[in-house]
Structures are given as C-alpha cells and as structure tokens.
Amino acid sequence: MENKAHALATGLFVLLLGAALVAVILWFRDDRGDTQSFTVVTRAGVPGLNVKAPVKLRGVQVGKVDEIRFDPADPKQILVDIEVDADAPIAAGTTAKLGYQGITGLSFIDLYDGPEPADPKQSVLQTRRIGLAPSFFDQLQDVGPKLAASALQTMERVQQVLSEGNQKQLSETLAQLNQASAGLNELIHDLRPTAQALPSLVKNADGLVVAGRQTLGNIDTLAKQGGELADEYKGKAAAIDQLGDAAVQMQRTLRRVELSLVGSADKPRQRAVLDDLSQAARALERAAQRIGDQPQSLILGPKPGEPGPGESGFDAGAKK
C-alpha cells in the first residue's frame, strides 16, 4: 500500500510539472489567438527593433514583430513582418513609425491612422504592406549636417564681427555714447528751471487767452455800434442832401421873384427887400454846403476855426 501511494504522488507531480511547462511555453509563445499578417516596409534603418517587439495601434498593443529581413528584390529595402490581432481596427491608410521604450534604446512598431489612399488598390488591407515613416531620430540625422554647417557659418560671422578692428570701433562708439549721455544729462539739468517755469507760463497764457477773448468781444461790440452809427449818418446825409436841393430851388425861386419884381432901378425899397432875400438865400446855401461837408456837426457841433493872431494855439509859421 505504501509503494502504491508513492507511485501515485510521483505521477501527480509529473502531471503538474508537465502542465506548468506547457503553460510556460504558451506564455513565451504569446499565443494571441487569430491574427492577421502585415509587412512594414522601409528604406531607413530600424535601430533597436527586435523580433518579438510589441506592435501598438494608437498606444494599445495589438501584436508583435515576427521577422526582420532584407527585401530579396531590393536589398536597400527592409521588410518587417508583424502579426496583428484579427479584430484590430486597421484602417486603409494606416502608417507605421518607430517608437522608443524609454532610455533602454529598444524600439517598437507604432501604428496610426493616416489618410485613405485615392486608389482602393493601394489600401493597406489589399496590399498587406504598411509604410514606415521616418522617426524623430532619422529626421534629426538628416537635419544634423545642415544644422552643423549653419552653426559653423554663424561662428565664422561672429568671429568676423568680433575682430580686432570691430572691437576697437565698438569701444570708440561706446565712448562716444558715454560722452553723449553726459552731455544729455547736462542738458536735462539746464532745462530743469525752464521746465519748472512752464506751469506759470501756461497759467499766464491762459490769462492772455481770456483777455484776448474779452478784447474780441469788445471789438465785436464796437463794430456793431459803428455799423449802427454809419446807418444813422447815411440817413442824416440823405436829409442834408434834400435840404441842399431845397436851398438851391429856393435860390432859383428868389431870383425869379427878384427878376419879376425888379423891373427898373427907381424902386429902392423893393430892391432892398430883394437884396435881403438874396443874402438870406445865400446864407442858407452856405449852411447847407457846410452841413454837407461836415454832417457830424449836427451831432458834435461845428468844427472850431483855426486860432488867429493873439489867440491861444496860433502858429504864424503854420499859417504861412
């Protein structure tokens, strides 16, 4: 009975060990069920990419790298065979690029959806081939020589700018700027009193502006009064003209009367009356003429005559 128990225990141990080995083998094989195959095509290198490297679609692992080889038809082209889950949503314009796993230097295939091709025959689902876009390091490798050449040119130009002649000229320019700054400080110091006096000048200017406005107002008032006075003078001048015309007409009438009355020279009384009337007419004519020459005399009075000998203001030289 004891031998049978040991045999049973040994048999169970062997069975459990075999099951564990099968599980380990399946785990290392990474059996993912039904898969679909694609080939990633590139003419650039695939550094850090190994067989069994993961294949991810938008960050989600959907398969693994099955084989890496050169294209027999074109040795410059590298073919990377990948196995992807059958239910993975591979689009017609899917594109691949190399992704890097941290600082380990290992890379993986990263798939992402690209634009759908215009020709359905060029679809990834038809050709089973996926193009590999240049990675960041590939682009950096291509641009690196250009950046280095540009950096060298920049250094040469900097050296030309910092030559001894340019340094001397720059030193002179800085010295001149220092002198100009000192002169500017002196000018600012001299202008400070003027700047301090500006507020009072502005106030005075405001006062002058107010006074100017008042003066303009007075001038407007005087202009209005002058216009009114001119209108009055015009009216009085018209009246004076009428008075002169009446005097002339009266003189003519008197002359006619005189001629009609004075038939002979043996009537002294009638001639005396007529002489008086003639004198009155002439006086009236002179008054009308004086008023016509000086219409302001109606308001301001007659203009005083020039002083005679013995009167104040008489100037014998001026009279001559």
C-alpha atoms as a PDB file:
ATOM      1  CA  MET A   1       0.000   0.000   0.000  1.00  0.00           C
ATOM      2  CA  GLU A   2       2.868   2.359   0.790  1.00  0.00           C
ATOM      3  CA  ASN A   3       4.532   1.736  -2.600  1.00  0.00           C
ATOM      4  CA  LYS A   4       1.274   2.470  -4.376  1.00  0.00           C
ATOM      5  CA  ALA A   5       0.961   5.799  -2.501  1.00  0.00           C
ATOM      6  CA  HIS A   6       4.464   6.872  -3.536  1.00  0.00           C
ATOM      7  CA  ALA A   7       3.753   5.959  -7.138  1.00  0.00           C
ATOM      8  CA  LEU A   8       0.527   7.970  -7.105  1.00  0.00           C
ATOM      9  CA  ALA A   9       2.288  11.021  -5.672  1.00  0.00           C
ATOM     10  CA  THR A  10       5.049  10.741  -8.251  1.00  0.00           C
ATOM     11  CA  GLY A  11       2.543  10.536 -11.054  1.00  0.00           C
ATOM     12  CA  LEU A  12       0.649  13.625  -9.840  1.00  0.00           C
ATOM     13  CA  PHE A  13       3.910  15.552  -9.593  1.00  0.00           C
ATOM     14  CA  VAL A  14       4.874  14.684 -13.146  1.00  0.00           C
ATOM     15  CA  LEU A  15       1.470  15.722 -14.438  1.00  0.00           C
ATOM     16  CA  LEU A  16       1.602  19.078 -12.642  1.00  0.00           C
ATOM     17  CA  LEU A  17       5.144  19.720 -13.883  1.00  0.00           C
ATOM     18  CA  GLY A  18       4.114  18.949 -17.455  1.00  0.00           C
ATOM     19  CA  ALA A  19       1.145  21.301 -17.215  1.00  0.00           C
ATOM     20  CA  ALA A  20       3.410  24.041 -15.898  1.00  0.00           C
ATOM     21  CA  LEU A  21       5.857  23.531 -18.745  1.00  0.00           C
ATOM     22  CA  VAL A  22       3.065  23.751 -21.301  1.00  0.00           C
ATOM     23  CA  ALA A  23       1.796  26.964 -19.669  1.00  0.00           C
ATOM     24  CA  VAL A  24       5.288  28.491 -19.740  1.00  0.00           C
ATOM     25  CA  ILE A  25       5.751  27.565 -23.377  1.00  0.00           C
ATOM     26  CA  LEU A  26       2.402  29.054 -24.294  1.00  0.00           C
ATOM     27  CA  TRP A  27       3.225  32.201 -22.355  1.00  0.00           C
ATOM     28  CA  PHE A  28       6.557  32.640 -24.120  1.00  0.00           C
ATOM     29  CA  ARG A  29       4.913  31.980 -27.483  1.00  0.00           C
ATOM     30  CA  ASP A  30       2.444  34.742 -26.656  1.00  0.00           C
ATOM     31  CA  ASP A  31      -0.402  32.953 -28.359  1.00  0.00           C
ATOM     32  CA  ARG A  32      -2.920  35.721 -29.095  1.00  0.00           C
ATOM     33  CA  GLY A  33      -5.480  33.651 -30.954  1.00  0.00           C
ATOM     34  CA  ASP A  34      -6.440  34.552 -34.519  1.00  0.00           C
ATOM     35  CA  THR A  35      -4.070  37.073 -36.119  1.00  0.00           C
ATOM     36  CA  GLN A  36      -3.536  38.838 -39.439  1.00  0.00           C
ATOM     37  CA  SER A  37      -0.175  39.445 -41.056  1.00  0.00           C
ATOM     38  CA  PHE A  38       1.241  42.698 -42.433  1.00  0.00           C
ATOM     39  CA  THR A  39       4.665  43.751 -43.677  1.00  0.00           C
ATOM     40  CA  VAL A  40       6.204  47.082 -42.672  1.00  0.00           C
ATOM     41  CA  VAL A  41       8.386  48.413 -45.481  1.00  0.00           C
ATOM     42  CA  THR A  42      11.189  50.956 -45.014  1.00  0.00           C
ATOM     43  CA  ARG A  43      14.412  52.101 -46.650  1.00  0.00           C
ATOM     44  CA  ALA A  44      15.696  53.634 -43.442  1.00  0.00           C
ATOM     45  CA  GLY A  45      17.197  51.705 -40.557  1.00  0.00           C
ATOM     46  CA  VAL A  46      15.243  50.084 -37.743  1.00  0.00           C
ATOM     47  CA  PRO A  47      17.601  50.611 -34.774  1.00  0.00           C
ATOM     48  CA  GLY A  48      16.538  48.968 -31.516  1.00  0.00           C
ATOM     49  CA  LEU A  49      13.845  46.831 -33.176  1.00  0.00           C
ATOM     50  CA  ASN A  50      13.980  43.135 -32.384  1.00  0.00           C
ATOM     51  CA  VAL A  51      11.885  40.077 -33.066  1.00  0.00           C
ATOM     52  CA  LYS A  52       9.026  39.773 -30.549  1.00  0.00           C
ATOM     53  CA  ALA A  53       9.000  43.584 -30.160  1.00  0.00           C
ATOM     54  CA  PRO A  54       5.476  44.862 -29.489  1.00  0.00           C
ATOM     55  CA  VAL A  55       3.262  46.359 -32.156  1.00  0.00           C
ATOM     56  CA  LYS A  56       0.936  49.104 -30.911  1.00  0.00           C
ATOM     57  CA  LEU A  57      -2.032  50.826 -32.509  1.00  0.00           C
ATOM     58  CA  ARG A  58      -2.549  54.316 -31.092  1.00  0.00           C
ATOM     59  CA  GLY A  59      -0.744  53.216 -27.923  1.00  0.00           C
ATOM     60  CA  VAL A  60      -2.588  49.894 -27.489  1.00  0.00           C
ATOM     61  CA  GLN A  61      -0.587  46.697 -28.037  1.00  0.00           C
ATOM     62  CA  VAL A  62      -2.238  44.676 -30.811  1.00  0.00           C
ATOM     63  CA  GLY A  63       0.548  42.363 -31.980  1.00  0.00           C
ATOM     64  CA  LYS A  64       4.277  41.649 -32.194  1.00  0.00           C
ATOM     65  CA  VAL A  65       7.174  41.620 -34.652  1.00  0.00           C
ATOM     66  CA  ASP A  66       7.526  38.201 -36.257  1.00  0.00           C
ATOM     67  CA  GLU A  67      10.569  38.647 -38.515  1.00  0.00           C
ATOM     68  CA  ILE A  68      13.033  41.307 -39.730  1.00  0.00           C
ATOM     69  CA  ARG A  69      14.724  40.773 -43.095  1.00  0.00           C
ATOM     70  CA  PHE A  70      16.042  42.456 -46.247  1.00  0.00           C
ATOM     71  CA  ASP A  71      13.892  42.516 -49.350  1.00  0.00           C
ATOM     72  CA  PRO A  72      15.313  39.935 -51.806  1.00  0.00           C
ATOM     73  CA  ALA A  73      14.149  42.063 -54.768  1.00  0.00           C
ATOM     74  CA  ASP A  74      15.701  45.291 -53.353  1.00  0.00           C
ATOM     75  CA  PRO A  75      18.473  44.861 -50.765  1.00  0.00           C
ATOM     76  CA  LYS A  76      18.193  48.574 -49.778  1.00  0.00           C
ATOM     77  CA  GLN A  77      14.702  47.901 -48.502  1.00  0.00           C
ATOM     78  CA  ILE A  78      13.944  46.301 -45.121  1.00  0.00           C
ATOM     79  CA  LEU A  79      10.867  44.186 -44.536  1.00  0.00           C
ATOM     80  CA  VAL A  80       9.430  43.772 -41.032  1.00  0.00           C
ATOM     81  CA  ASP A  81       6.749  41.089 -40.763  1.00  0.00           C
ATOM     82  CA  ILE A  82       4.231  41.687 -37.955  1.00  0.00           C
ATOM     83  CA  GLU A  83       1.365  39.683 -36.555  1.00  0.00           C
ATOM     84  CA  VAL A  84      -1.657  41.741 -35.514  1.00  0.00           C
ATOM     85  CA  ASP A  85      -4.857  40.667 -33.759  1.00  0.00           C
ATOM     86  CA  ALA A  86      -7.613  39.808 -36.207  1.00  0.00           C
ATOM     87  CA  ASP A  87     -10.017  42.208 -34.507  1.00  0.00           C
ATOM     88  CA  ALA A  88      -7.550  45.137 -34.515  1.00  0.00           C
ATOM     89  CA  PRO A  89      -9.116  48.136 -36.385  1.00  0.00           C
ATOM     90  CA  ILE A  90      -6.517  48.516 -39.118  1.00  0.00           C
ATOM     91  CA  ALA A  91      -7.552  51.355 -41.452  1.00  0.00           C
ATOM     92  CA  ALA A  92      -6.952  51.519 -45.199  1.00  0.00           C
ATOM     93  CA  GLY A  93      -4.387  54.336 -44.802  1.00  0.00           C
ATOM     94  CA  THR A  94      -2.566  53.014 -41.732  1.00  0.00           C
ATOM     95  CA  THR A  95       1.044  54.193 -41.382  1.00  0.00           C
ATOM     96  CA  ALA A  96       3.800  52.982 -39.069  1.00  0.00           C
ATOM     97  CA  LYS A  97       6.711  54.626 -37.281  1.00  0.00           C
ATOM     98  CA  LEU A  98       9.304  53.562 -34.736  1.00  0.00           C
ATOM     99  CA  GLY A  99       8.573  54.241 -31.104  1.00  0.00           C
ATOM    100  CA  TYR A 100      11.189  54.090 -28.335  1.00  0.00           C
ATOM    101  CA  GLN A 101      10.775  52.475 -24.936  1.00  0.00           C
ATOM    102  CA  GLY A 102      12.216  54.987 -22.518  1.00  0.00           C
ATOM    103  CA  ILE A 103      16.028  55.075 -22.238  1.00  0.00           C
ATOM    104  CA  THR A 104      16.545  51.399 -22.963  1.00  0.00           C
ATOM    105  CA  GLY A 105      17.221  52.015 -26.660  1.00  0.00           C
ATOM    106  CA  LEU A 106      14.650  49.367 -27.615  1.00  0.00           C
ATOM    107  CA  SER A 107      12.021  50.328 -30.155  1.00  0.00           C
ATOM    108  CA  PHE A 108       8.622  49.052 -31.237  1.00  0.00           C
ATOM    109  CA  ILE A 109       6.254  49.442 -34.160  1.00  0.00           C
ATOM    110  CA  ASP A 110       3.696  52.193 -33.571  1.00  0.00           C
ATOM    111  CA  LEU A 111       0.723  52.183 -35.970  1.00  0.00           C
ATOM    112  CA  TYR A 112      -1.518  55.182 -36.515  1.00  0.00           C
ATOM    113  CA  ASP A 113      -4.328  56.041 -38.910  1.00  0.00           C
ATOM    114  CA  GLY A 114      -3.314  58.052 -41.969  1.00  0.00           C
ATOM    115  CA  PRO A 115      -5.256  59.487 -44.896  1.00  0.00           C
ATOM    116  CA  GLU A 116      -7.085  56.959 -47.010  1.00  0.00           C
ATOM    117  CA  PRO A 117      -5.496  56.415 -50.437  1.00  0.00           C
ATOM    118  CA  ALA A 118      -7.318  57.700 -53.503  1.00  0.00           C
ATOM    119  CA  ASP A 119      -6.887  54.324 -55.251  1.00  0.00           C
ATOM    120  CA  PRO A 120      -8.585  51.463 -53.332  1.00  0.00           C
ATOM    121  CA  LYS A 121      -5.977  49.063 -54.740  1.00  0.00           C
ATOM    122  CA  GLN A 122      -3.329  50.909 -52.699  1.00  0.00           C
ATOM    123  CA  SER A 123      -5.202  50.210 -49.472  1.00  0.00           C
ATOM    124  CA  VAL A 124      -3.193  48.547 -46.681  1.00  0.00           C
ATOM    125  CA  LEU A 125      -5.927  45.952 -46.383  1.00  0.00           C
ATOM    126  CA  GLN A 126      -5.313  44.990 -50.031  1.00  0.00           C
ATOM    127  CA  THR A 127      -1.506  45.190 -50.292  1.00  0.00           C
ATOM    128  CA  ARG A 128      -0.870  43.995 -46.718  1.00  0.00           C
ATOM    129  CA  ARG A 129       2.061  46.423 -46.688  1.00  0.00           C
ATOM    130  CA  ILE A 130       2.483  49.377 -44.345  1.00  0.00           C
ATOM    131  CA  GLY A 131       4.937  52.206 -44.976  1.00  0.00           C
ATOM    132  CA  LEU A 132       7.313  53.190 -42.170  1.00  0.00           C
ATOM    133  CA  ALA A 133       7.591  56.961 -41.739  1.00  0.00           C
ATOM    134  CA  PRO A 134      10.951  58.455 -40.667  1.00  0.00           C
ATOM    135  CA  SER A 135      11.343  58.639 -36.918  1.00  0.00           C
ATOM    136  CA  PHE A 136      12.429  61.695 -34.966  1.00  0.00           C
ATOM    137  CA  PHE A 137      15.997  60.478 -34.818  1.00  0.00           C
ATOM    138  CA  ASP A 138      16.003  59.841 -38.573  1.00  0.00           C
ATOM    139  CA  GLN A 139      14.827  63.386 -39.206  1.00  0.00           C
ATOM    140  CA  LEU A 140      17.397  64.689 -36.753  1.00  0.00           C
ATOM    141  CA  GLN A 141      20.086  62.681 -38.508  1.00  0.00           C
ATOM    142  CA  ASP A 142      19.099  64.193 -41.855  1.00  0.00           C
ATOM    143  CA  VAL A 143      18.946  67.729 -40.497  1.00  0.00           C
ATOM    144  CA  GLY A 144      22.053  67.371 -38.310  1.00  0.00           C
ATOM    145  CA  PRO A 145      24.650  68.109 -41.026  1.00  0.00           C
ATOM    146  CA  LYS A 146      22.700  71.172 -42.151  1.00  0.00           C
ATOM    147  CA  LEU A 147      22.474  72.405 -38.568  1.00  0.00           C
ATOM    148  CA  ALA A 148      26.197  71.857 -38.093  1.00  0.00           C
ATOM    149  CA  ALA A 149      27.032  73.742 -41.304  1.00  0.00           C
ATOM    150  CA  SER A 150      24.742  76.595 -40.289  1.00  0.00           C
ATOM    151  CA  ALA A 151      26.356  76.680 -36.832  1.00  0.00           C
ATOM    152  CA  LEU A 152      29.821  76.880 -38.410  1.00  0.00           C
ATOM    153  CA  GLN A 153      28.746  79.762 -40.640  1.00  0.00           C
ATOM    154  CA  THR A 154      27.275  81.526 -37.629  1.00  0.00           C
ATOM    155  CA  MET A 155      30.514  81.095 -35.683  1.00  0.00           C
ATOM    156  CA  GLU A 156      32.516  82.485 -38.609  1.00  0.00           C
ATOM    157  CA  ARG A 157      30.271  85.529 -38.800  1.00  0.00           C
ATOM    158  CA  VAL A 158      30.559  86.039 -35.035  1.00  0.00           C
ATOM    159  CA  GLN A 159      34.342  85.896 -35.335  1.00  0.00           C
ATOM    160  CA  GLN A 160      34.216  88.491 -38.122  1.00  0.00           C
ATOM    161  CA  VAL A 161      32.037  90.741 -36.011  1.00  0.00           C
ATOM    162  CA  LEU A 162      34.367  90.340 -33.006  1.00  0.00           C
ATOM    163  CA  SER A 163      37.532  91.073 -34.989  1.00  0.00           C
ATOM    164  CA  GLU A 164      40.092  93.492 -33.556  1.00  0.00           C
ATOM    165  CA  GLY A 165      39.035  96.326 -35.853  1.00  0.00           C
ATOM    166  CA  ASN A 166      35.372  95.918 -34.985  1.00  0.00           C
ATOM    167  CA  GLN A 167      36.173  95.673 -31.278  1.00  0.00           C
ATOM    168  CA  LYS A 168      38.154  98.925 -31.469  1.00  0.00           C
ATOM    169  CA  GLN A 169      35.337 100.649 -33.358  1.00  0.00           C
ATOM    170  CA  LEU A 170      32.814  99.304 -30.849  1.00  0.00           C
ATOM    171  CA  SER A 171      34.909 100.667 -27.989  1.00  0.00           C
ATOM    172  CA  GLU A 172      35.036 104.088 -29.657  1.00  0.00           C
ATOM    173  CA  THR A 173      31.293 104.002 -30.218  1.00  0.00           C
ATOM    174  CA  LEU A 174      30.689 103.165 -26.564  1.00  0.00           C
ATOM    175  CA  ALA A 175      32.977 106.040 -25.529  1.00  0.00           C
ATOM    176  CA  GLN A 176      31.052 108.442 -27.775  1.00  0.00           C
ATOM    177  CA  LEU A 177      27.791 107.188 -26.343  1.00  0.00           C
ATOM    178  CA  ASN A 178      29.142 107.818 -22.854  1.00  0.00           C
ATOM    179  CA  GLN A 179      30.051 111.389 -23.805  1.00  0.00           C
ATOM    180  CA  ALA A 180      26.660 111.918 -25.417  1.00  0.00           C
ATOM    181  CA  SER A 181      24.980 110.598 -22.279  1.00  0.00           C
ATOM    182  CA  ALA A 182      26.976 113.042 -20.147  1.00  0.00           C
ATOM    183  CA  GLY A 183      26.022 115.937 -22.442  1.00  0.00           C
ATOM    184  CA  LEU A 184      22.393 114.848 -22.291  1.00  0.00           C
ATOM    185  CA  ASN A 185      22.494 114.863 -18.508  1.00  0.00           C
ATOM    186  CA  GLU A 186      23.880 118.413 -18.543  1.00  0.00           C
ATOM    187  CA  LEU A 187      21.185 119.499 -20.976  1.00  0.00           C
ATOM    188  CA  ILE A 188      18.487 117.998 -18.762  1.00  0.00           C
ATOM    189  CA  HIS A 189      19.991 119.789 -15.760  1.00  0.00           C
ATOM    190  CA  ASP A 190      19.927 123.101 -17.664  1.00  0.00           C
ATOM    191  CA  LEU A 191      16.354 122.569 -18.806  1.00  0.00           C
ATOM    192  CA  ARG A 192      15.002 121.927 -15.319  1.00  0.00           C
ATOM    193  CA  PRO A 193      14.476 125.667 -14.483  1.00  0.00           C
ATOM    194  CA  THR A 194      12.647 126.128 -17.768  1.00  0.00           C
ATOM    195  CA  ALA A 195      10.501 123.089 -17.053  1.00  0.00           C
ATOM    196  CA  GLN A 196       9.722 124.452 -13.589  1.00  0.00           C
ATOM    197  CA  ALA A 197       8.702 127.807 -15.099  1.00  0.00           C
ATOM    198  CA  LEU A 198       6.398 126.195 -17.650  1.00  0.00           C
ATOM    199  CA  PRO A 199       3.349 125.860 -15.313  1.00  0.00           C
ATOM    200  CA  SER A 200       3.360 129.639 -14.558  1.00  0.00           C
ATOM    201  CA  LEU A 201       3.801 130.398 -18.264  1.00  0.00           C
ATOM    202  CA  VAL A 202       0.860 128.166 -19.055  1.00  0.00           C
ATOM    203  CA  LYS A 203      -1.262 129.972 -16.456  1.00  0.00           C
ATOM    204  CA  ASN A 204      -0.255 133.365 -17.900  1.00  0.00           C
ATOM    205  CA  ALA A 205      -1.065 132.097 -21.376  1.00  0.00           C
ATOM    206  CA  ASP A 206      -4.496 131.073 -20.123  1.00  0.00           C
ATOM    207  CA  GLY A 207      -4.992 134.600 -18.757  1.00  0.00           C
ATOM    208  CA  LEU A 208      -3.895 136.096 -22.066  1.00  0.00           C
ATOM    209  CA  VAL A 209      -6.338 133.862 -23.908  1.00  0.00           C
ATOM    210  CA  VAL A 210      -9.190 135.025 -21.641  1.00  0.00           C
ATOM    211  CA  ALA A 211      -8.176 138.679 -22.091  1.00  0.00           C
ATOM    212  CA  GLY A 212      -7.964 138.148 -25.850  1.00  0.00           C
ATOM    213  CA  ARG A 213     -11.451 136.721 -25.878  1.00  0.00           C
ATOM    214  CA  GLN A 214     -12.766 139.725 -23.917  1.00  0.00           C
ATOM    215  CA  THR A 215     -10.996 142.102 -26.321  1.00  0.00           C
ATOM    216  CA  LEU A 216     -12.514 140.320 -29.298  1.00  0.00           C
ATOM    217  CA  GLY A 217     -15.907 140.664 -27.637  1.00  0.00           C
ATOM    218  CA  ASN A 218     -15.379 144.416 -27.174  1.00  0.00           C
ATOM    219  CA  ILE A 219     -14.254 144.738 -30.789  1.00  0.00           C
ATOM    220  CA  ASP A 220     -17.408 142.980 -31.922  1.00  0.00           C
ATOM    221  CA  THR A 221     -19.497 145.384 -29.824  1.00  0.00           C
ATOM    222  CA  LEU A 222     -17.672 148.423 -31.266  1.00  0.00           C
ATOM    223  CA  ALA A 223     -18.139 147.062 -34.768  1.00  0.00           C
ATOM    224  CA  LYS A 224     -21.870 146.720 -34.172  1.00  0.00           C
ATOM    225  CA  GLN A 225     -22.086 150.257 -32.764  1.00  0.00           C
ATOM    226  CA  GLY A 226     -20.041 151.598 -35.700  1.00  0.00           C
ATOM    227  CA  GLY A 227     -22.434 149.940 -38.108  1.00  0.00           C
ATOM    228  CA  GLU A 228     -25.424 151.490 -36.353  1.00  0.00           C
ATOM    229  CA  LEU A 229     -23.741 154.933 -36.364  1.00  0.00           C
ATOM    230  CA  ALA A 230     -22.933 154.602 -40.065  1.00  0.00           C
ATOM    231  CA  ASP A 231     -26.591 153.823 -40.745  1.00  0.00           C
ATOM    232  CA  GLU A 232     -27.600 156.961 -38.819  1.00  0.00           C
ATOM    233  CA  TYR A 233     -25.072 159.061 -40.782  1.00  0.00           C
ATOM    234  CA  LYS A 234     -26.450 157.701 -44.026  1.00  0.00           C
ATOM    235  CA  GLY A 235     -29.971 158.729 -43.075  1.00  0.00           C
ATOM    236  CA  LYS A 236     -28.855 162.207 -41.984  1.00  0.00           C
ATOM    237  CA  ALA A 237     -26.716 162.635 -45.088  1.00  0.00           C
ATOM    238  CA  ALA A 238     -29.780 161.911 -47.220  1.00  0.00           C
ATOM    239  CA  ALA A 239     -31.741 164.545 -45.284  1.00  0.00           C
ATOM    240  CA  ILE A 240     -28.883 167.047 -45.744  1.00  0.00           C
ATOM    241  CA  ASP A 241     -28.851 166.372 -49.484  1.00  0.00           C
ATOM    242  CA  GLN A 242     -32.570 167.066 -49.590  1.00  0.00           C
ATOM    243  CA  LEU A 243     -32.024 170.296 -47.627  1.00  0.00           C
ATOM    244  CA  GLY A 244     -29.315 171.392 -50.104  1.00  0.00           C
ATOM    245  CA  ASP A 245     -31.607 170.678 -53.033  1.00  0.00           C
ATOM    246  CA  ALA A 246     -34.359 172.713 -51.347  1.00  0.00           C
ATOM    247  CA  ALA A 247     -31.953 175.629 -50.793  1.00  0.00           C
ATOM    248  CA  VAL A 248     -30.899 175.624 -54.422  1.00  0.00           C
ATOM    249  CA  GLN A 249     -34.522 175.512 -55.528  1.00  0.00           C
ATOM    250  CA  MET A 250     -35.346 178.339 -53.134  1.00  0.00           C
ATOM    251  CA  GLN A 251     -32.478 180.458 -54.505  1.00  0.00           C
ATOM    252  CA  ARG A 252     -33.723 179.916 -58.018  1.00  0.00           C
ATOM    253  CA  THR A 253     -37.233 180.887 -56.952  1.00  0.00           C
ATOM    254  CA  LEU A 254     -35.933 184.025 -55.271  1.00  0.00           C
ATOM    255  CA  ARG A 255     -34.013 185.003 -58.357  1.00  0.00           C
ATOM    256  CA  ARG A 256     -37.135 184.585 -60.427  1.00  0.00           C
ATOM    257  CA  VAL A 257     -39.109 186.650 -57.909  1.00  0.00           C
ATOM    258  CA  GLU A 258     -36.388 189.294 -57.999  1.00  0.00           C
ATOM    259  CA  LEU A 259     -36.460 189.447 -61.758  1.00  0.00           C
ATOM    260  CA  SER A 260     -40.234 189.607 -61.782  1.00  0.00           C
ATOM    261  CA  LEU A 261     -40.347 192.314 -59.110  1.00  0.00           C
ATOM    262  CA  VAL A 262     -37.402 194.437 -60.171  1.00  0.00           C
ATOM    263  CA  GLY A 263     -38.393 195.904 -63.446  1.00  0.00           C
ATOM    264  CA  SER A 264     -36.342 199.201 -63.113  1.00  0.00           C
ATOM    265  CA  ALA A 265     -33.836 200.804 -60.718  1.00  0.00           C
ATOM    266  CA  ASP A 266     -36.192 203.593 -59.424  1.00  0.00           C
ATOM    267  CA  LYS A 267     -37.759 201.348 -56.693  1.00  0.00           C
ATOM    268  CA  PRO A 268     -35.149 201.298 -53.887  1.00  0.00           C
ATOM    269  CA  ARG A 269     -37.368 199.718 -51.218  1.00  0.00           C
ATOM    270  CA  GLN A 270     -38.270 196.731 -53.296  1.00  0.00           C
ATOM    271  CA  ARG A 271     -34.574 196.273 -54.249  1.00  0.00           C
ATOM    272  CA  ALA A 272     -33.552 196.365 -50.575  1.00  0.00           C
ATOM    273  CA  VAL A 273     -36.060 193.675 -49.728  1.00  0.00           C
ATOM    274  CA  LEU A 274     -34.877 191.628 -52.608  1.00  0.00           C
ATOM    275  CA  ASP A 275     -31.228 192.095 -51.535  1.00  0.00           C
ATOM    276  CA  ASP A 276     -32.114 190.853 -48.053  1.00  0.00           C
ATOM    277  CA  LEU A 277     -33.857 187.853 -49.506  1.00  0.00           C
ATOM    278  CA  SER A 278     -30.851 187.126 -51.702  1.00  0.00           C
ATOM    279  CA  GLN A 279     -28.477 187.372 -48.738  1.00  0.00           C
ATOM    280  CA  ALA A 280     -30.723 185.029 -46.721  1.00  0.00           C
ATOM    281  CA  ALA A 281     -30.794 182.567 -49.564  1.00  0.00           C
ATOM    282  CA  ARG A 282     -27.005 182.668 -49.901  1.00  0.00           C
ATOM    283  CA  ALA A 283     -26.613 182.170 -46.119  1.00  0.00           C
ATOM    284  CA  LEU A 284     -28.972 179.229 -46.251  1.00  0.00           C
ATOM    285  CA  GLU A 285     -26.977 177.798 -49.162  1.00  0.00           C
ATOM    286  CA  ARG A 286     -23.691 178.177 -47.261  1.00  0.00           C
ATOM    287  CA  ALA A 287     -25.241 176.476 -44.222  1.00  0.00           C
ATOM    288  CA  ALA A 288     -26.439 173.618 -46.379  1.00  0.00           C
ATOM    289  CA  GLN A 289     -22.999 173.359 -48.001  1.00  0.00           C
ATOM    290  CA  ARG A 290     -21.291 173.333 -44.572  1.00  0.00           C
ATOM    291  CA  ILE A 291     -23.606 170.630 -43.297  1.00  0.00           C
ATOM    292  CA  GLY A 292     -22.969 168.624 -46.462  1.00  0.00           C
ATOM    293  CA  ASP A 293     -19.188 168.872 -45.916  1.00  0.00           C
ATOM    294  CA  GLN A 294     -19.363 168.144 -42.185  1.00  0.00           C
ATOM    295  CA  PRO A 295     -22.505 166.086 -41.408  1.00  0.00           C
ATOM    296  CA  GLN A 296     -21.125 165.212 -37.958  1.00  0.00           C
ATOM    297  CA  SER A 297     -21.597 168.885 -36.951  1.00  0.00           C
ATOM    298  CA  LEU A 298     -25.309 168.155 -36.462  1.00  0.00           C
ATOM    299  CA  ILE A 299     -24.314 165.867 -33.532  1.00  0.00           C
ATOM    300  CA  LEU A 300     -20.882 167.109 -32.398  1.00  0.00           C
ATOM    301  CA  GLY A 301     -21.308 170.840 -33.316  1.00  0.00           C
ATOM    302  CA  PRO A 302     -19.379 172.904 -35.838  1.00  0.00           C
ATOM    303  CA  LYS A 303     -15.653 172.397 -36.060  1.00  0.00           C
ATOM    304  CA  PRO A 304     -13.826 175.296 -34.361  1.00  0.00           C
ATOM    305  CA  GLY A 305     -11.855 177.557 -36.722  1.00  0.00           C
ATOM    306  CA  GLU A 306      -8.120 177.971 -36.648  1.00  0.00           C
ATOM    307  CA  PRO A 307      -6.858 180.359 -33.906  1.00  0.00           C
ATOM    308  CA  GLY A 308      -5.995 183.857 -35.126  1.00  0.00           C
ATOM    309  CA  PRO A 309      -3.257 186.263 -34.021  1.00  0.00           C
ATOM    310  CA  GLY A 310      -3.301 186.769 -30.261  1.00  0.00           C
ATOM    311  CA  GLU A 311      -5.348 183.584 -29.640  1.00  0.00           C
ATOM    312  CA  SER A 312      -4.019 180.510 -27.911  1.00  0.00           C
ATOM    313  CA  GLY A 313      -2.673 177.929 -30.295  1.00  0.00           C
ATOM    314  CA  PHE A 314      -1.873 180.445 -33.077  1.00  0.00           C
ATOM    315  CA  ASP A 315       1.140 179.366 -35.149  1.00  0.00           C
ATOM    316  CA  ALA A 316       2.435 182.057 -37.511  1.00  0.00           C
ATOM    317  CA  GLY A 317       4.763 179.621 -39.303  1.00  0.00           C
ATOM    318  CA  ALA A 318       1.942 177.156 -39.966  1.00  0.00           C
ATOM    319  CA  LYS A 319      -0.253 179.898 -41.366  1.00  0.00           C
ATOM    320  CA  LYS A 320       2.421 180.906 -43.812  1.00  0.00           C
END
